[in-house]
ModelCIF file with pLDDT and N, C-alpha, C, O atoms, coordinates in Angstrom:
data_MODEL
#
_entry.id   MODEL 
#
_entity.id                         1 
_entity.type                       polymer 
_entity.pdbx_number_of_molecules   1 
#
_entity_poly.entity_id                      1 
_entity_poly.type                           'polypeptide(L)' 
_entity_poly.nstd_linkage                   no 
_entity_poly.nstd_monomer                   no 
_entity_poly.pdbx_seq_one_letter_code       DGGFSDPVKSWTTAPGNWWPENVKLASGDFDGNGRDDVAAFYGYSDGR 
_entity_poly.pdbx_seq_one_letter_code_can   DGGFSDPVKSWTTAPGNWWPENVKLASGDFDGNGRDDVAAFYGYSDGR 
_entity_poly.pdbx_strand_id                 A 
#
loop_
_entity_poly_seq.entity_id 
_entity_poly_seq.num 
_entity_poly_seq.mon_id 
_entity_poly_seq.hetero 
1 1  ASP n 
1 2  GLY n 
1 3  GLY n 
1 4  PHE n 
1 5  SER n 
1 6  ASP n 
1 7  PRO n 
1 8  VAL n 
1 9  LYS n 
1 10 SER n 
1 11 TRP n 
1 12 THR n 
1 13 THR n 
1 14 ALA n 
1 15 PRO n 
1 16 GLY n 
1 17 ASN n 
1 18 TRP n 
1 19 TRP n 
1 20 PRO n 
1 21 GLU n 
1 22 ASN n 
1 23 VAL n 
1 24 LYS n 
1 25 LEU n 
1 26 ALA n 
1 27 SER n 
1 28 GLY n 
1 29 ASP n 
1 30 PHE n 
1 31 ASP n 
1 32 GLY n 
1 33 ASN n 
1 34 GLY n 
1 35 ARG n 
1 36 ASP n 
1 37 ASP n 
1 38 VAL n 
1 39 ALA n 
1 40 ALA n 
1 41 PHE n 
1 42 TYR n 
1 43 GLY n 
1 44 TYR n 
1 45 SER n 
1 46 ASP n 
1 47 GLY n 
1 48 ARG n 
#
_struct_asym.id          A 
_struct_asym.entity_id   1 
#
loop_
_ma_qa_metric.id 
_ma_qa_metric.mode 
_ma_qa_metric.name 
_ma_qa_metric.software_group_id 
_ma_qa_metric.type 
1 global pLDDT . pLDDT 
2 local  pLDDT . pLDDT 
#
_ma_qa_metric_global.metric_id      1 
_ma_qa_metric_global.metric_value   95.83 
_ma_qa_metric_global.model_id       1 
_ma_qa_metric_global.ordinal_id     1 
#
loop_
_ma_qa_metric_local.label_asym_id 
_ma_qa_metric_local.label_comp_id 
_ma_qa_metric_local.label_seq_id 
_ma_qa_metric_local.metric_id 
_ma_qa_metric_local.metric_value 
_ma_qa_metric_local.model_id 
_ma_qa_metric_local.ordinal_id 
A ASP 1  2 97.00 1 1  
A GLY 2  2 95.00 1 2  
A GLY 3  2 96.00 1 3  
A PHE 4  2 96.00 1 4  
A SER 5  2 96.00 1 5  
A ASP 6  2 97.00 1 6  
A PRO 7  2 97.00 1 7  
A VAL 8  2 96.00 1 8  
A LYS 9  2 96.00 1 9  
A SER 10 2 95.00 1 10 
A TRP 11 2 97.00 1 11 
A THR 12 2 96.00 1 12 
A THR 13 2 95.00 1 13 
A ALA 14 2 95.00 1 14 
A PRO 15 2 94.00 1 15 
A GLY 16 2 90.00 1 16 
A ASN 17 2 92.00 1 17 
A TRP 18 2 93.00 1 18 
A TRP 19 2 92.00 1 19 
A PRO 20 2 90.00 1 20 
A GLU 21 2 92.00 1 21 
A ASN 22 2 95.00 1 22 
A VAL 23 2 96.00 1 23 
A LYS 24 2 96.00 1 24 
A LEU 25 2 96.00 1 25 
A ALA 26 2 96.00 1 26 
A SER 27 2 97.00 1 27 
A GLY 28 2 98.00 1 28 
A ASP 29 2 98.00 1 29 
A PHE 30 2 98.00 1 30 
A ASP 31 2 98.00 1 31 
A GLY 32 2 97.00 1 32 
A ASN 33 2 97.00 1 33 
A GLY 34 2 96.00 1 34 
A ARG 35 2 97.00 1 35 
A ASP 36 2 97.00 1 36 
A ASP 37 2 98.00 1 37 
A VAL 38 2 98.00 1 38 
A ALA 39 2 98.00 1 39 
A ALA 40 2 98.00 1 40 
A PHE 41 2 98.00 1 41 
A TYR 42 2 97.00 1 42 
A GLY 43 2 97.00 1 43 
A TYR 44 2 95.00 1 44 
A SER 45 2 94.00 1 45 
A ASP 46 2 96.00 1 46 
A GLY 47 2 96.00 1 47 
A ARG 48 2 96.00 1 48 
#
loop_
_atom_site.group_PDB 
_atom_site.id 
_atom_site.type_symbol 
_atom_site.label_atom_id 
_atom_site.label_alt_id 
_atom_site.label_comp_id 
_atom_site.label_asym_id 
_atom_site.label_entity_id 
_atom_site.label_seq_id 
_atom_site.pdbx_PDB_ins_code 
_atom_site.Cartn_x 
_atom_site.Cartn_y 
_atom_site.Cartn_z 
_atom_site.occupancy 
_atom_site.B_iso_or_equiv 
_atom_site.pdbx_formal_charge 
_atom_site.auth_seq_id 
_atom_site.auth_comp_id 
_atom_site.auth_asym_id 
_atom_site.auth_atom_id 
_atom_site.pdbx_PDB_model_num 
ATOM 1   N N  . ASP A 1 1  ? 34.062 -93.580  7.126  1.00 97.00 ? 1  ASP A N  1 
ATOM 2   C CA . ASP A 1 1  ? 32.805 -94.383  7.946  1.00 97.00 ? 1  ASP A CA 1 
ATOM 3   C C  . ASP A 1 1  ? 33.446 -94.684  9.479  1.00 97.00 ? 1  ASP A C  1 
ATOM 4   O O  . ASP A 1 1  ? 32.685 -95.205  10.294 1.00 97.00 ? 1  ASP A O  1 
ATOM 5   N N  . GLY A 1 2  ? 34.803 -94.372  9.884  1.00 95.00 ? 2  GLY A N  1 
ATOM 6   C CA . GLY A 1 2  ? 35.536 -94.341  10.959 1.00 95.00 ? 2  GLY A CA 1 
ATOM 7   C C  . GLY A 1 2  ? 35.902 -95.548  11.485 1.00 95.00 ? 2  GLY A C  1 
ATOM 8   O O  . GLY A 1 2  ? 36.133 -95.622  12.691 1.00 95.00 ? 2  GLY A O  1 
ATOM 9   N N  . GLY A 1 3  ? 36.010 -96.690  10.641 1.00 96.00 ? 3  GLY A N  1 
ATOM 10  C CA . GLY A 1 3  ? 36.582 -97.809  10.074 1.00 96.00 ? 3  GLY A CA 1 
ATOM 11  C C  . GLY A 1 3  ? 37.430 -97.716  9.706  1.00 96.00 ? 3  GLY A C  1 
ATOM 12  O O  . GLY A 1 3  ? 37.673 -96.636  9.168  1.00 96.00 ? 3  GLY A O  1 
ATOM 13  N N  . PHE A 1 4  ? 38.659 -98.939  9.731  1.00 96.00 ? 4  PHE A N  1 
ATOM 14  C CA . PHE A 1 4  ? 39.663 -99.094  9.078  1.00 96.00 ? 4  PHE A CA 1 
ATOM 15  C C  . PHE A 1 4  ? 40.127 -99.645  8.479  1.00 96.00 ? 4  PHE A C  1 
ATOM 16  O O  . PHE A 1 4  ? 40.082 -100.829 8.811  1.00 96.00 ? 4  PHE A O  1 
ATOM 17  N N  . SER A 1 5  ? 40.885 -99.362  7.235  1.00 96.00 ? 5  SER A N  1 
ATOM 18  C CA . SER A 1 5  ? 41.421 -99.973  6.154  1.00 96.00 ? 5  SER A CA 1 
ATOM 19  C C  . SER A 1 5  ? 42.611 -101.365 6.403  1.00 96.00 ? 5  SER A C  1 
ATOM 20  O O  . SER A 1 5  ? 42.702 -101.612 7.605  1.00 96.00 ? 5  SER A O  1 
ATOM 21  N N  . ASP A 1 6  ? 43.229 -102.001 5.794  1.00 97.00 ? 6  ASP A N  1 
ATOM 22  C CA . ASP A 1 6  ? 43.903 -102.797 5.991  1.00 97.00 ? 6  ASP A CA 1 
ATOM 23  C C  . ASP A 1 6  ? 45.651 -102.123 6.442  1.00 97.00 ? 6  ASP A C  1 
ATOM 24  O O  . ASP A 1 6  ? 46.103 -101.120 5.890  1.00 97.00 ? 6  ASP A O  1 
ATOM 25  N N  . PRO A 1 7  ? 46.293 -102.781 7.339  1.00 97.00 ? 7  PRO A N  1 
ATOM 26  C CA . PRO A 1 7  ? 47.342 -102.201 7.777  1.00 97.00 ? 7  PRO A CA 1 
ATOM 27  C C  . PRO A 1 7  ? 48.603 -101.646 6.788  1.00 97.00 ? 7  PRO A C  1 
ATOM 28  O O  . PRO A 1 7  ? 48.859 -102.495 5.935  1.00 97.00 ? 7  PRO A O  1 
ATOM 29  N N  . VAL A 1 8  ? 49.313 -100.639 6.701  1.00 96.00 ? 8  VAL A N  1 
ATOM 30  C CA . VAL A 1 8  ? 50.399 -101.318 5.497  1.00 96.00 ? 8  VAL A CA 1 
ATOM 31  C C  . VAL A 1 8  ? 51.737 -100.966 6.623  1.00 96.00 ? 8  VAL A C  1 
ATOM 32  O O  . VAL A 1 8  ? 51.837 -100.044 7.433  1.00 96.00 ? 8  VAL A O  1 
ATOM 33  N N  . LYS A 1 9  ? 52.323 -101.661 6.429  1.00 96.00 ? 9  LYS A N  1 
ATOM 34  C CA . LYS A 1 9  ? 54.231 -101.892 7.289  1.00 96.00 ? 9  LYS A CA 1 
ATOM 35  C C  . LYS A 1 9  ? 55.050 -101.094 6.432  1.00 96.00 ? 9  LYS A C  1 
ATOM 36  O O  . LYS A 1 9  ? 55.329 -101.176 5.236  1.00 96.00 ? 9  LYS A O  1 
ATOM 37  N N  . SER A 1 10 ? 55.437 -100.116 7.558  1.00 95.00 ? 10 SER A N  1 
ATOM 38  C CA . SER A 1 10 ? 56.761 -99.374  6.832  1.00 95.00 ? 10 SER A CA 1 
ATOM 39  C C  . SER A 1 10 ? 57.825 -99.549  7.494  1.00 95.00 ? 10 SER A C  1 
ATOM 40  O O  . SER A 1 10 ? 58.577 -100.349 6.938  1.00 95.00 ? 10 SER A O  1 
ATOM 41  N N  . TRP A 1 11 ? 58.354 -98.975  8.822  1.00 97.00 ? 11 TRP A N  1 
ATOM 42  C CA . TRP A 1 11 ? 59.570 -99.365  9.329  1.00 97.00 ? 11 TRP A CA 1 
ATOM 43  C C  . TRP A 1 11 ? 59.737 -100.632 9.885  1.00 97.00 ? 11 TRP A C  1 
ATOM 44  O O  . TRP A 1 11 ? 58.768 -101.025 10.533 1.00 97.00 ? 11 TRP A O  1 
ATOM 45  N N  . THR A 1 12 ? 60.538 -101.259 9.824  1.00 96.00 ? 12 THR A N  1 
ATOM 46  C CA . THR A 1 12 ? 61.222 -102.764 10.399 1.00 96.00 ? 12 THR A CA 1 
ATOM 47  C C  . THR A 1 12 ? 62.860 -102.391 10.647 1.00 96.00 ? 12 THR A C  1 
ATOM 48  O O  . THR A 1 12 ? 63.776 -101.743 10.139 1.00 96.00 ? 12 THR A O  1 
ATOM 49  N N  . THR A 1 13 ? 62.614 -103.113 11.590 1.00 95.00 ? 13 THR A N  1 
ATOM 50  C CA . THR A 1 13 ? 64.463 -103.483 12.448 1.00 95.00 ? 13 THR A CA 1 
ATOM 51  C C  . THR A 1 13 ? 64.430 -104.914 12.228 1.00 95.00 ? 13 THR A C  1 
ATOM 52  O O  . THR A 1 13 ? 63.464 -105.642 12.002 1.00 95.00 ? 13 THR A O  1 
ATOM 53  N N  . ALA A 1 14 ? 65.891 -105.233 12.354 1.00 95.00 ? 14 ALA A N  1 
ATOM 54  C CA . ALA A 1 14 ? 66.020 -106.800 11.936 1.00 95.00 ? 14 ALA A CA 1 
ATOM 55  C C  . ALA A 1 14 ? 66.287 -107.160 13.624 1.00 95.00 ? 14 ALA A C  1 
ATOM 56  O O  . ALA A 1 14 ? 66.433 -106.326 14.517 1.00 95.00 ? 14 ALA A O  1 
ATOM 57  N N  . PRO A 1 15 ? 66.299 -108.495 13.746 1.00 94.00 ? 15 PRO A N  1 
ATOM 58  C CA . PRO A 1 15 ? 66.143 -109.197 15.279 1.00 94.00 ? 15 PRO A CA 1 
ATOM 59  C C  . PRO A 1 15 ? 67.435 -108.630 16.064 1.00 94.00 ? 15 PRO A C  1 
ATOM 60  O O  . PRO A 1 15 ? 68.535 -108.320 15.604 1.00 94.00 ? 15 PRO A O  1 
ATOM 61  N N  . GLY A 1 16 ? 66.960 -108.591 17.392 1.00 90.00 ? 16 GLY A N  1 
ATOM 62  C CA . GLY A 1 16 ? 67.822 -108.082 17.804 1.00 90.00 ? 16 GLY A CA 1 
ATOM 63  C C  . GLY A 1 16 ? 68.516 -107.137 18.532 1.00 90.00 ? 16 GLY A C  1 
ATOM 64  O O  . GLY A 1 16 ? 69.403 -107.092 19.384 1.00 90.00 ? 16 GLY A O  1 
ATOM 65  N N  . ASN A 1 17 ? 67.272 -105.843 17.424 1.00 92.00 ? 17 ASN A N  1 
ATOM 66  C CA . ASN A 1 17 ? 67.606 -104.720 18.138 1.00 92.00 ? 17 ASN A CA 1 
ATOM 67  C C  . ASN A 1 17 ? 66.584 -103.470 18.879 1.00 92.00 ? 17 ASN A C  1 
ATOM 68  O O  . ASN A 1 17 ? 66.863 -102.402 19.424 1.00 92.00 ? 17 ASN A O  1 
ATOM 69  N N  . TRP A 1 18 ? 65.328 -104.152 18.612 1.00 93.00 ? 18 TRP A N  1 
ATOM 70  C CA . TRP A 1 18 ? 63.968 -103.577 19.465 1.00 93.00 ? 18 TRP A CA 1 
ATOM 71  C C  . TRP A 1 18 ? 63.559 -104.785 20.378 1.00 93.00 ? 18 TRP A C  1 
ATOM 72  O O  . TRP A 1 18 ? 63.192 -105.811 19.805 1.00 93.00 ? 18 TRP A O  1 
ATOM 73  N N  . TRP A 1 19 ? 63.587 -104.758 21.598 1.00 92.00 ? 19 TRP A N  1 
ATOM 74  C CA . TRP A 1 19 ? 62.703 -105.881 22.076 1.00 92.00 ? 19 TRP A CA 1 
ATOM 75  C C  . TRP A 1 19 ? 61.050 -104.864 22.459 1.00 92.00 ? 19 TRP A C  1 
ATOM 76  O O  . TRP A 1 19 ? 60.976 -103.817 23.103 1.00 92.00 ? 19 TRP A O  1 
ATOM 77  N N  . PRO A 1 20 ? 59.869 -105.675 21.771 1.00 90.00 ? 20 PRO A N  1 
ATOM 78  C CA . PRO A 1 20 ? 58.858 -105.021 22.044 1.00 90.00 ? 20 PRO A CA 1 
ATOM 79  C C  . PRO A 1 20 ? 58.387 -104.290 23.404 1.00 90.00 ? 20 PRO A C  1 
ATOM 80  O O  . PRO A 1 20 ? 57.992 -103.130 23.520 1.00 90.00 ? 20 PRO A O  1 
ATOM 81  N N  . GLU A 1 21 ? 58.563 -105.468 24.596 1.00 92.00 ? 21 GLU A N  1 
ATOM 82  C CA . GLU A 1 21 ? 58.360 -105.513 25.810 1.00 92.00 ? 21 GLU A CA 1 
ATOM 83  C C  . GLU A 1 21 ? 59.266 -104.212 26.708 1.00 92.00 ? 21 GLU A C  1 
ATOM 84  O O  . GLU A 1 21 ? 59.054 -103.866 27.870 1.00 92.00 ? 21 GLU A O  1 
ATOM 85  N N  . ASN A 1 22 ? 60.206 -103.712 25.848 1.00 95.00 ? 22 ASN A N  1 
ATOM 86  C CA . ASN A 1 22 ? 60.717 -102.901 26.445 1.00 95.00 ? 22 ASN A CA 1 
ATOM 87  C C  . ASN A 1 22 ? 60.081 -101.616 26.060 1.00 95.00 ? 22 ASN A C  1 
ATOM 88  O O  . ASN A 1 22 ? 60.143 -100.636 26.802 1.00 95.00 ? 22 ASN A O  1 
ATOM 89  N N  . VAL A 1 23 ? 59.555 -101.603 25.073 1.00 96.00 ? 23 VAL A N  1 
ATOM 90  C CA . VAL A 1 23 ? 59.025 -100.002 24.484 1.00 96.00 ? 23 VAL A CA 1 
ATOM 91  C C  . VAL A 1 23 ? 57.504 -99.729  25.063 1.00 96.00 ? 23 VAL A C  1 
ATOM 92  O O  . VAL A 1 23 ? 56.922 -100.754 25.418 1.00 96.00 ? 23 VAL A O  1 
ATOM 93  N N  . LYS A 1 24 ? 56.685 -98.334  25.227 1.00 96.00 ? 24 LYS A N  1 
ATOM 94  C CA . LYS A 1 24 ? 55.792 -97.624  25.474 1.00 96.00 ? 24 LYS A CA 1 
ATOM 95  C C  . LYS A 1 24 ? 55.429 -96.809  24.383 1.00 96.00 ? 24 LYS A C  1 
ATOM 96  O O  . LYS A 1 24 ? 56.275 -95.969  24.074 1.00 96.00 ? 24 LYS A O  1 
ATOM 97  N N  . LEU A 1 25 ? 54.471 -96.834  23.772 1.00 96.00 ? 25 LEU A N  1 
ATOM 98  C CA . LEU A 1 25 ? 54.232 -95.839  22.415 1.00 96.00 ? 25 LEU A CA 1 
ATOM 99  C C  . LEU A 1 25 ? 53.533 -94.545  23.021 1.00 96.00 ? 25 LEU A C  1 
ATOM 100 O O  . LEU A 1 25 ? 53.046 -94.619  24.150 1.00 96.00 ? 25 LEU A O  1 
ATOM 101 N N  . ALA A 1 26 ? 53.491 -93.709  22.508 1.00 96.00 ? 26 ALA A N  1 
ATOM 102 C CA . ALA A 1 26 ? 52.385 -92.447  22.590 1.00 96.00 ? 26 ALA A CA 1 
ATOM 103 C C  . ALA A 1 26 ? 52.725 -91.909  21.430 1.00 96.00 ? 26 ALA A C  1 
ATOM 104 O O  . ALA A 1 26 ? 53.735 -92.065  20.743 1.00 96.00 ? 26 ALA A O  1 
ATOM 105 N N  . SER A 1 27 ? 51.325 -90.947  21.213 1.00 97.00 ? 27 SER A N  1 
ATOM 106 C CA . SER A 1 27 ? 50.689 -90.252  19.917 1.00 97.00 ? 27 SER A CA 1 
ATOM 107 C C  . SER A 1 27 ? 50.650 -88.849  20.237 1.00 97.00 ? 27 SER A C  1 
ATOM 108 O O  . SER A 1 27 ? 50.170 -88.345  21.253 1.00 97.00 ? 27 SER A O  1 
ATOM 109 N N  . GLY A 1 28 ? 51.432 -88.032  18.868 1.00 98.00 ? 28 GLY A N  1 
ATOM 110 C CA . GLY A 1 28 ? 50.664 -87.053  19.208 1.00 98.00 ? 28 GLY A CA 1 
ATOM 111 C C  . GLY A 1 28 ? 51.567 -85.956  18.140 1.00 98.00 ? 28 GLY A C  1 
ATOM 112 O O  . GLY A 1 28 ? 52.709 -86.257  17.793 1.00 98.00 ? 28 GLY A O  1 
ATOM 113 N N  . ASP A 1 29 ? 51.116 -85.078  17.827 1.00 98.00 ? 29 ASP A N  1 
ATOM 114 C CA . ASP A 1 29 ? 51.773 -83.938  16.333 1.00 98.00 ? 29 ASP A CA 1 
ATOM 115 C C  . ASP A 1 29 ? 53.127 -83.033  17.281 1.00 98.00 ? 29 ASP A C  1 
ATOM 116 O O  . ASP A 1 29 ? 53.185 -81.886  17.726 1.00 98.00 ? 29 ASP A O  1 
ATOM 117 N N  . PHE A 1 30 ? 54.057 -84.154  17.297 1.00 98.00 ? 30 PHE A N  1 
ATOM 118 C CA . PHE A 1 30 ? 55.599 -83.300  18.261 1.00 98.00 ? 30 PHE A CA 1 
ATOM 119 C C  . PHE A 1 30 ? 55.915 -82.628  17.808 1.00 98.00 ? 30 PHE A C  1 
ATOM 120 O O  . PHE A 1 30 ? 56.371 -81.724  18.508 1.00 98.00 ? 30 PHE A O  1 
ATOM 121 N N  . ASP A 1 31 ? 55.975 -82.433  16.289 1.00 98.00 ? 31 ASP A N  1 
ATOM 122 C CA . ASP A 1 31 ? 56.663 -81.562  15.707 1.00 98.00 ? 31 ASP A CA 1 
ATOM 123 C C  . ASP A 1 31 ? 55.866 -79.990  15.212 1.00 98.00 ? 31 ASP A C  1 
ATOM 124 O O  . ASP A 1 31 ? 56.320 -78.865  14.999 1.00 98.00 ? 31 ASP A O  1 
ATOM 125 N N  . GLY A 1 32 ? 54.506 -80.568  15.166 1.00 97.00 ? 32 GLY A N  1 
ATOM 126 C CA . GLY A 1 32 ? 53.753 -79.267  14.836 1.00 97.00 ? 32 GLY A CA 1 
ATOM 127 C C  . GLY A 1 32 ? 53.249 -78.893  13.711 1.00 97.00 ? 32 GLY A C  1 
ATOM 128 O O  . GLY A 1 32 ? 52.689 -77.811  13.536 1.00 97.00 ? 32 GLY A O  1 
ATOM 129 N N  . ASN A 1 33 ? 53.470 -80.070  12.567 1.00 97.00 ? 33 ASN A N  1 
ATOM 130 C CA . ASN A 1 33 ? 53.202 -80.004  11.488 1.00 97.00 ? 33 ASN A CA 1 
ATOM 131 C C  . ASN A 1 33 ? 51.893 -80.296  10.589 1.00 97.00 ? 33 ASN A C  1 
ATOM 132 O O  . ASN A 1 33 ? 51.617 -80.111  9.404  1.00 97.00 ? 33 ASN A O  1 
ATOM 133 N N  . GLY A 1 34 ? 51.231 -80.824  11.675 1.00 96.00 ? 34 GLY A N  1 
ATOM 134 C CA . GLY A 1 34 ? 49.723 -80.640  11.422 1.00 96.00 ? 34 GLY A CA 1 
ATOM 135 C C  . GLY A 1 34 ? 49.427 -82.479  11.239 1.00 96.00 ? 34 GLY A C  1 
ATOM 136 O O  . GLY A 1 34 ? 48.312 -82.990  11.137 1.00 96.00 ? 34 GLY A O  1 
ATOM 137 N N  . ARG A 1 35 ? 50.629 -83.152  11.235 1.00 97.00 ? 35 ARG A N  1 
ATOM 138 C CA . ARG A 1 35 ? 50.397 -85.008  11.313 1.00 97.00 ? 35 ARG A CA 1 
ATOM 139 C C  . ARG A 1 35 ? 50.882 -85.368  12.429 1.00 97.00 ? 35 ARG A C  1 
ATOM 140 O O  . ARG A 1 35 ? 51.967 -84.977  12.859 1.00 97.00 ? 35 ARG A O  1 
ATOM 141 N N  . ASP A 1 36 ? 50.058 -86.212  13.049 1.00 97.00 ? 36 ASP A N  1 
ATOM 142 C CA . ASP A 1 36 ? 50.410 -86.953  14.296 1.00 97.00 ? 36 ASP A CA 1 
ATOM 143 C C  . ASP A 1 36 ? 51.799 -87.992  14.157 1.00 97.00 ? 36 ASP A C  1 
ATOM 144 O O  . ASP A 1 36 ? 51.976 -88.669  13.145 1.00 97.00 ? 36 ASP A O  1 
ATOM 145 N N  . ASP A 1 37 ? 52.491 -88.002  15.015 1.00 98.00 ? 37 ASP A N  1 
ATOM 146 C CA . ASP A 1 37 ? 54.100 -88.447  15.158 1.00 98.00 ? 37 ASP A CA 1 
ATOM 147 C C  . ASP A 1 37 ? 53.507 -89.390  16.279 1.00 98.00 ? 37 ASP A C  1 
ATOM 148 O O  . ASP A 1 37 ? 52.482 -89.252  16.947 1.00 98.00 ? 37 ASP A O  1 
ATOM 149 N N  . VAL A 1 38 ? 54.734 -90.680  16.287 1.00 98.00 ? 38 VAL A N  1 
ATOM 150 C CA . VAL A 1 38 ? 54.428 -91.429  17.778 1.00 98.00 ? 38 VAL A CA 1 
ATOM 151 C C  . VAL A 1 38 ? 55.747 -91.515  18.223 1.00 98.00 ? 38 VAL A C  1 
ATOM 152 O O  . VAL A 1 38 ? 56.842 -91.623  17.672 1.00 98.00 ? 38 VAL A O  1 
ATOM 153 N N  . ALA A 1 39 ? 55.402 -91.451  19.201 1.00 98.00 ? 39 ALA A N  1 
ATOM 154 C CA . ALA A 1 39 ? 57.118 -91.371  20.373 1.00 98.00 ? 39 ALA A CA 1 
ATOM 155 C C  . ALA A 1 39 ? 56.970 -92.540  21.220 1.00 98.00 ? 39 ALA A C  1 
ATOM 156 O O  . ALA A 1 39 ? 56.008 -93.000  21.834 1.00 98.00 ? 39 ALA A O  1 
ATOM 157 N N  . ALA A 1 40 ? 58.517 -92.999  21.052 1.00 98.00 ? 40 ALA A N  1 
ATOM 158 C CA . ALA A 1 40 ? 58.818 -94.268  21.449 1.00 98.00 ? 40 ALA A CA 1 
ATOM 159 C C  . ALA A 1 40 ? 59.406 -94.062  22.974 1.00 98.00 ? 40 ALA A C  1 
ATOM 160 O O  . ALA A 1 40 ? 59.909 -92.939  23.017 1.00 98.00 ? 40 ALA A O  1 
ATOM 161 N N  . PHE A 1 41 ? 59.504 -94.606  23.999 1.00 98.00 ? 41 PHE A N  1 
ATOM 162 C CA . PHE A 1 41 ? 60.256 -94.909  25.316 1.00 98.00 ? 41 PHE A CA 1 
ATOM 163 C C  . PHE A 1 41 ? 60.618 -96.148  25.100 1.00 98.00 ? 41 PHE A C  1 
ATOM 164 O O  . PHE A 1 41 ? 59.879 -97.127  24.987 1.00 98.00 ? 41 PHE A O  1 
ATOM 165 N N  . TYR A 1 42 ? 61.940 -96.092  25.033 1.00 97.00 ? 42 TYR A N  1 
ATOM 166 C CA . TYR A 1 42 ? 62.830 -97.456  24.946 1.00 97.00 ? 42 TYR A CA 1 
ATOM 167 C C  . TYR A 1 42 ? 63.590 -97.263  26.498 1.00 97.00 ? 42 TYR A C  1 
ATOM 168 O O  . TYR A 1 42 ? 64.491 -96.462  26.747 1.00 97.00 ? 42 TYR A O  1 
ATOM 169 N N  . GLY A 1 43 ? 63.003 -98.163  27.384 1.00 97.00 ? 43 GLY A N  1 
ATOM 170 C CA . GLY A 1 43 ? 64.056 -98.931  28.940 1.00 97.00 ? 43 GLY A CA 1 
ATOM 171 C C  . GLY A 1 43 ? 64.596 -100.170 28.088 1.00 97.00 ? 43 GLY A C  1 
ATOM 172 O O  . GLY A 1 43 ? 64.032 -101.063 27.455 1.00 97.00 ? 43 GLY A O  1 
ATOM 173 N N  . TYR A 1 44 ? 65.994 -99.826  28.354 1.00 95.00 ? 44 TYR A N  1 
ATOM 174 C CA . TYR A 1 44 ? 66.820 -100.975 28.076 1.00 95.00 ? 44 TYR A CA 1 
ATOM 175 C C  . TYR A 1 44 ? 66.990 -101.705 29.517 1.00 95.00 ? 44 TYR A C  1 
ATOM 176 O O  . TYR A 1 44 ? 66.437 -101.096 30.433 1.00 95.00 ? 44 TYR A O  1 
ATOM 177 N N  . SER A 1 45 ? 67.688 -102.955 29.892 1.00 94.00 ? 45 SER A N  1 
ATOM 178 C CA . SER A 1 45 ? 67.347 -103.743 30.638 1.00 94.00 ? 45 SER A CA 1 
ATOM 179 C C  . SER A 1 45 ? 68.640 -103.256 31.477 1.00 94.00 ? 45 SER A C  1 
ATOM 180 O O  . SER A 1 45 ? 68.835 -103.803 32.562 1.00 94.00 ? 45 SER A O  1 
ATOM 181 N N  . ASP A 1 46 ? 69.621 -102.159 30.988 1.00 96.00 ? 46 ASP A N  1 
ATOM 182 C CA . ASP A 1 46 ? 70.427 -102.067 32.103 1.00 96.00 ? 46 ASP A CA 1 
ATOM 183 C C  . ASP A 1 46 ? 69.928 -100.505 32.968 1.00 96.00 ? 46 ASP A C  1 
ATOM 184 O O  . ASP A 1 46 ? 70.692 -99.950  33.758 1.00 96.00 ? 46 ASP A O  1 
ATOM 185 N N  . GLY A 1 47 ? 68.675 -100.023 32.673 1.00 96.00 ? 47 GLY A N  1 
ATOM 186 C CA . GLY A 1 47 ? 68.485 -99.038  33.281 1.00 96.00 ? 47 GLY A CA 1 
ATOM 187 C C  . GLY A 1 47 ? 69.033 -97.582  32.170 1.00 96.00 ? 47 GLY A C  1 
ATOM 188 O O  . GLY A 1 47 ? 69.225 -96.412  32.503 1.00 96.00 ? 47 GLY A O  1 
ATOM 189 N N  . ARG A 1 48 ? 69.120 -98.002  31.284 1.00 96.00 ? 48 ARG A N  1 
ATOM 190 C CA . ARG A 1 48 ? 69.091 -96.819  29.976 1.00 96.00 ? 48 ARG A CA 1 
ATOM 191 C C  . ARG A 1 48 ? 68.048 -96.504  29.900 1.00 96.00 ? 48 ARG A C  1 
ATOM 192 O O  . ARG A 1 48 ? 67.715 -95.670  29.059 1.00 96.00 ? 48 ARG A O  1 
#
């Protein structure tokens, strides 16, 4: 019907590994297998 089911949590990382304010997300089928993937651009505080 176009609505959404309750979310399912899959990937998790421990404290100190990823800071959400450093992440920009985008979605598309990057490998061409017919399923969309998620790209995450991570900008570190030192310019990496």
